[in-house]
Amino acid sequence: MGFDSPHGYGLSTPTAGMADSIPVTVRDGDTETTIDVSPGAVLRDVLSEHGFEVYGSVSRVANCGGRGLCGTCGVRIEEAIEPFGLHDAAAQRWGYPRLSCRIKVEEPMTVELVEKRLWGQLRPR
């Protein structure tokens, strides 16, 4: 169960006049896949539903469940998306991955899954 927020997190229901689906291209190593996503869907949830792994080996079972607290569901987004919160501000400033649990899919985007070694270990570019 989620909640709506103007800050780009939570779950929402598509509104009238919006597209039925939004294309999201996912890069996982050498593989590139495009999936159709409902407007307003949370990126972390969409990636998980389509079988993409956003967590490392340990954080796969020990994470905050998409509340933006653990910092382990990081992905790189090709397009510029308005930052929300301290982690996103640091990501934007120092090149760290963005938290997929904090991104609503509102427009087409390209997502790169990042390698995680221990816990959620996210490194800057």
C-alpha atoms as a PDB file:
ATOM      1  CA  MET A   1       0.000   0.000   0.000  1.00  0.00           C
ATOM      2  CA  GLY A   2       1.452   3.362  -0.948  1.00  0.00           C
ATOM      3  CA  PHE A   3       0.681   7.044  -0.734  1.00  0.00           C
ATOM      4  CA  ASP A   4       0.757   9.992  -3.097  1.00  0.00           C
ATOM      5  CA  SER A   5       3.320  12.752  -2.829  1.00  0.00           C
ATOM      6  CA  PRO A   6       4.284  15.731  -4.962  1.00  0.00           C
ATOM      7  CA  HIS A   7       7.914  14.793  -4.296  1.00  0.00           C
ATOM      8  CA  GLY A   8       8.141  11.773  -6.594  1.00  0.00           C
ATOM      9  CA  TYR A   9       7.545   8.870  -4.264  1.00  0.00           C
ATOM     10  CA  GLY A  10       4.634   6.689  -3.328  1.00  0.00           C
ATOM     11  CA  LEU A  11       2.076   5.045  -5.538  1.00  0.00           C
ATOM     12  CA  SER A  12      -0.466   6.931  -7.562  1.00  0.00           C
ATOM     13  CA  THR A  13      -3.305   6.333  -9.948  1.00  0.00           C
ATOM     14  CA  PRO A  14      -3.017   7.591 -13.546  1.00  0.00           C
ATOM     15  CA  THR A  15      -5.163  10.635 -14.208  1.00  0.00           C
ATOM     16  CA  ALA A  16      -7.354  11.414 -17.204  1.00  0.00           C
ATOM     17  CA  GLY A  17      -5.472  12.649 -20.231  1.00  0.00           C
ATOM     18  CA  MET A  18      -2.239  10.841 -19.378  1.00  0.00           C
ATOM     19  CA  ALA A  19      -0.729   8.219 -21.644  1.00  0.00           C
ATOM     20  CA  ASP A  20      -1.747   4.614 -21.038  1.00  0.00           C
ATOM     21  CA  SER A  21       1.902   3.640 -20.695  1.00  0.00           C
ATOM     22  CA  ILE A  22       5.347   5.192 -20.674  1.00  0.00           C
ATOM     23  CA  PRO A  23       8.391   3.451 -22.194  1.00  0.00           C
ATOM     24  CA  VAL A  24      11.263   2.810 -19.795  1.00  0.00           C
ATOM     25  CA  THR A  25      14.487   1.430 -21.246  1.00  0.00           C
ATOM     26  CA  VAL A  26      16.512  -0.665 -18.787  1.00  0.00           C
ATOM     27  CA  ARG A  27      20.216  -1.318 -19.304  1.00  0.00           C
ATOM     28  CA  ASP A  28      21.522  -4.332 -17.414  1.00  0.00           C
ATOM     29  CA  GLY A  29      25.123  -4.920 -18.442  1.00  0.00           C
ATOM     30  CA  ASP A  30      25.113  -5.486 -22.205  1.00  0.00           C
ATOM     31  CA  THR A  31      21.353  -6.090 -22.327  1.00  0.00           C
ATOM     32  CA  GLU A  32      18.836  -3.334 -23.087  1.00  0.00           C
ATOM     33  CA  THR A  33      15.114  -3.914 -22.580  1.00  0.00           C
ATOM     34  CA  THR A  34      12.202  -1.513 -23.001  1.00  0.00           C
ATOM     35  CA  ILE A  35       9.157  -2.008 -20.796  1.00  0.00           C
ATOM     36  CA  ASP A  36       5.813  -0.192 -20.764  1.00  0.00           C
ATOM     37  CA  VAL A  37       5.019   1.415 -17.415  1.00  0.00           C
ATOM     38  CA  SER A  38       1.847   2.964 -16.025  1.00  0.00           C
ATOM     39  CA  PRO A  39       2.213   6.705 -15.400  1.00  0.00           C
ATOM     40  CA  GLY A  40       2.996   7.456 -11.763  1.00  0.00           C
ATOM     41  CA  ALA A  41       4.383   4.003 -10.966  1.00  0.00           C
ATOM     42  CA  VAL A  42       7.374   3.807  -8.612  1.00  0.00           C
ATOM     43  CA  LEU A  43      10.488   2.804 -10.541  1.00  0.00           C
ATOM     44  CA  ARG A  44      11.728   0.350  -7.882  1.00  0.00           C
ATOM     45  CA  ASP A  45       8.426  -1.542  -7.962  1.00  0.00           C
ATOM     46  CA  VAL A  46       8.324  -1.599 -11.763  1.00  0.00           C
ATOM     47  CA  LEU A  47      11.872  -2.931 -12.031  1.00  0.00           C
ATOM     48  CA  SER A  48      11.188  -5.651  -9.451  1.00  0.00           C
ATOM     49  CA  GLU A  49       7.913  -6.659 -11.134  1.00  0.00           C
ATOM     50  CA  HIS A  50       9.786  -7.123 -14.424  1.00  0.00           C
ATOM     51  CA  GLY A  51      12.540  -9.256 -12.848  1.00  0.00           C
ATOM     52  CA  PHE A  52      15.295  -6.639 -12.680  1.00  0.00           C
ATOM     53  CA  GLU A  53      17.433  -6.719  -9.539  1.00  0.00           C
ATOM     54  CA  VAL A  54      17.939  -3.315  -7.905  1.00  0.00           C
ATOM     55  CA  TYR A  55      19.539  -4.694  -4.720  1.00  0.00           C
ATOM     56  CA  GLY A  56      22.837  -6.337  -3.835  1.00  0.00           C
ATOM     57  CA  SER A  57      23.068  -9.856  -2.423  1.00  0.00           C
ATOM     58  CA  VAL A  58      22.560  -8.876   1.225  1.00  0.00           C
ATOM     59  CA  SER A  59      20.236  -5.907   0.737  1.00  0.00           C
ATOM     60  CA  ARG A  60      17.936  -8.089  -1.373  1.00  0.00           C
ATOM     61  CA  VAL A  61      16.556  -9.478   1.912  1.00  0.00           C
ATOM     62  CA  ALA A  62      17.517  -6.674   4.316  1.00  0.00           C
ATOM     63  CA  ASN A  63      16.258  -3.357   2.944  1.00  0.00           C
ATOM     64  CA  CYS A  64      13.791  -0.644   3.935  1.00  0.00           C
ATOM     65  CA  GLY A  65      11.038  -1.838   1.587  1.00  0.00           C
ATOM     66  CA  GLY A  66      11.101   1.251  -0.609  1.00  0.00           C
ATOM     67  CA  ARG A  67      10.910   3.961   2.045  1.00  0.00           C
ATOM     68  CA  GLY A  68      14.148   5.692   0.973  1.00  0.00           C
ATOM     69  CA  LEU A  69      15.952   4.921   4.223  1.00  0.00           C
ATOM     70  CA  CYS A  70      18.590   2.315   3.377  1.00  0.00           C
ATOM     71  CA  GLY A  71      20.018   3.744   0.145  1.00  0.00           C
ATOM     72  CA  THR A  72      20.428   0.338  -1.492  1.00  0.00           C
ATOM     73  CA  CYS A  73      18.110   0.466  -4.539  1.00  0.00           C
ATOM     74  CA  GLY A  74      20.270   2.840  -6.562  1.00  0.00           C
ATOM     75  CA  VAL A  75      20.095   3.096 -10.338  1.00  0.00           C
ATOM     76  CA  ARG A  76      21.479   5.589 -12.829  1.00  0.00           C
ATOM     77  CA  ILE A  77      18.973   7.658 -14.785  1.00  0.00           C
ATOM     78  CA  GLU A  78      20.098   9.061 -18.131  1.00  0.00           C
ATOM     79  CA  GLU A  79      17.589  11.912 -18.121  1.00  0.00           C
ATOM     80  CA  ALA A  80      17.696  14.749 -15.592  1.00  0.00           C
ATOM     81  CA  ILE A  81      15.044  14.186 -12.928  1.00  0.00           C
ATOM     82  CA  GLU A  82      14.333  16.733 -10.206  1.00  0.00           C
ATOM     83  CA  PRO A  83      16.079  15.610  -6.977  1.00  0.00           C
ATOM     84  CA  PHE A  84      14.064  14.913  -3.823  1.00  0.00           C
ATOM     85  CA  GLY A  85      15.647  14.733  -0.388  1.00  0.00           C
ATOM     86  CA  LEU A  86      19.246  14.593   0.813  1.00  0.00           C
ATOM     87  CA  HIS A  87      20.242  11.407  -0.971  1.00  0.00           C
ATOM     88  CA  ASP A  88      19.055  12.685  -4.347  1.00  0.00           C
ATOM     89  CA  ALA A  89      20.813  16.010  -3.794  1.00  0.00           C
ATOM     90  CA  ALA A  90      24.070  14.138  -3.043  1.00  0.00           C
ATOM     91  CA  ALA A  91      23.498  11.902  -6.046  1.00  0.00           C
ATOM     92  CA  GLN A  92      23.102  14.905  -8.288  1.00  0.00           C
ATOM     93  CA  ARG A  93      26.073  16.775  -6.853  1.00  0.00           C
ATOM     94  CA  TRP A  94      28.600  13.929  -6.520  1.00  0.00           C
ATOM     95  CA  GLY A  95      27.444  11.451  -9.151  1.00  0.00           C
ATOM     96  CA  TYR A  96      25.963   8.741  -6.950  1.00  0.00           C
ATOM     97  CA  PRO A  97      23.098   6.589  -8.280  1.00  0.00           C
ATOM     98  CA  ARG A  98      19.531   7.731  -7.587  1.00  0.00           C
ATOM     99  CA  LEU A  99      17.217   5.723  -5.335  1.00  0.00           C
ATOM    100  CA  SER A 100      14.714   3.896  -7.533  1.00  0.00           C
ATOM    101  CA  CYS A 101      12.168   3.906  -4.686  1.00  0.00           C
ATOM    102  CA  ARG A 102      12.060   7.711  -4.906  1.00  0.00           C
ATOM    103  CA  ILE A 103      11.389   8.020  -8.637  1.00  0.00           C
ATOM    104  CA  LYS A 104       7.924   8.096 -10.158  1.00  0.00           C
ATOM    105  CA  VAL A 105       7.737   7.261 -13.843  1.00  0.00           C
ATOM    106  CA  GLU A 106       6.155  10.353 -15.389  1.00  0.00           C
ATOM    107  CA  GLU A 107       7.986  10.446 -18.740  1.00  0.00           C
ATOM    108  CA  PRO A 108      10.127   8.144 -20.897  1.00  0.00           C
ATOM    109  CA  MET A 109      13.493   7.364 -19.315  1.00  0.00           C
ATOM    110  CA  THR A 110      16.568   5.207 -19.600  1.00  0.00           C
ATOM    111  CA  VAL A 111      17.648   3.378 -16.446  1.00  0.00           C
ATOM    112  CA  GLU A 112      21.026   1.722 -15.911  1.00  0.00           C
ATOM    113  CA  LEU A 113      21.231  -0.958 -13.234  1.00  0.00           C
ATOM    114  CA  VAL A 114      24.430  -0.578 -11.218  1.00  0.00           C
ATOM    115  CA  GLU A 115      26.629  -3.331  -9.828  1.00  0.00           C
ATOM    116  CA  LYS A 116      26.451  -3.715  -6.071  1.00  0.00           C
ATOM    117  CA  ARG A 117      29.110  -5.657  -4.225  1.00  0.00           C
ATOM    118  CA  LEU A 118      28.279  -5.527  -0.521  1.00  0.00           C
ATOM    119  CA  TRP A 119      25.070  -4.323   1.141  1.00  0.00           C
ATOM    120  CA  GLY A 120      23.938  -1.689  -1.323  1.00  0.00           C
ATOM    121  CA  GLN A 121      27.406  -0.239  -1.928  1.00  0.00           C
ATOM    122  CA  LEU A 122      26.806   2.499  -4.471  1.00  0.00           C
ATOM    123  CA  ARG A 123      29.792   4.286  -5.948  1.00  0.00           C
ATOM    124  CA  PRO A 124      30.009   7.609  -7.785  1.00  0.00           C
ATOM    125  CA  ARG A 125      30.967   7.683 -11.444  1.00  0.00           C
END
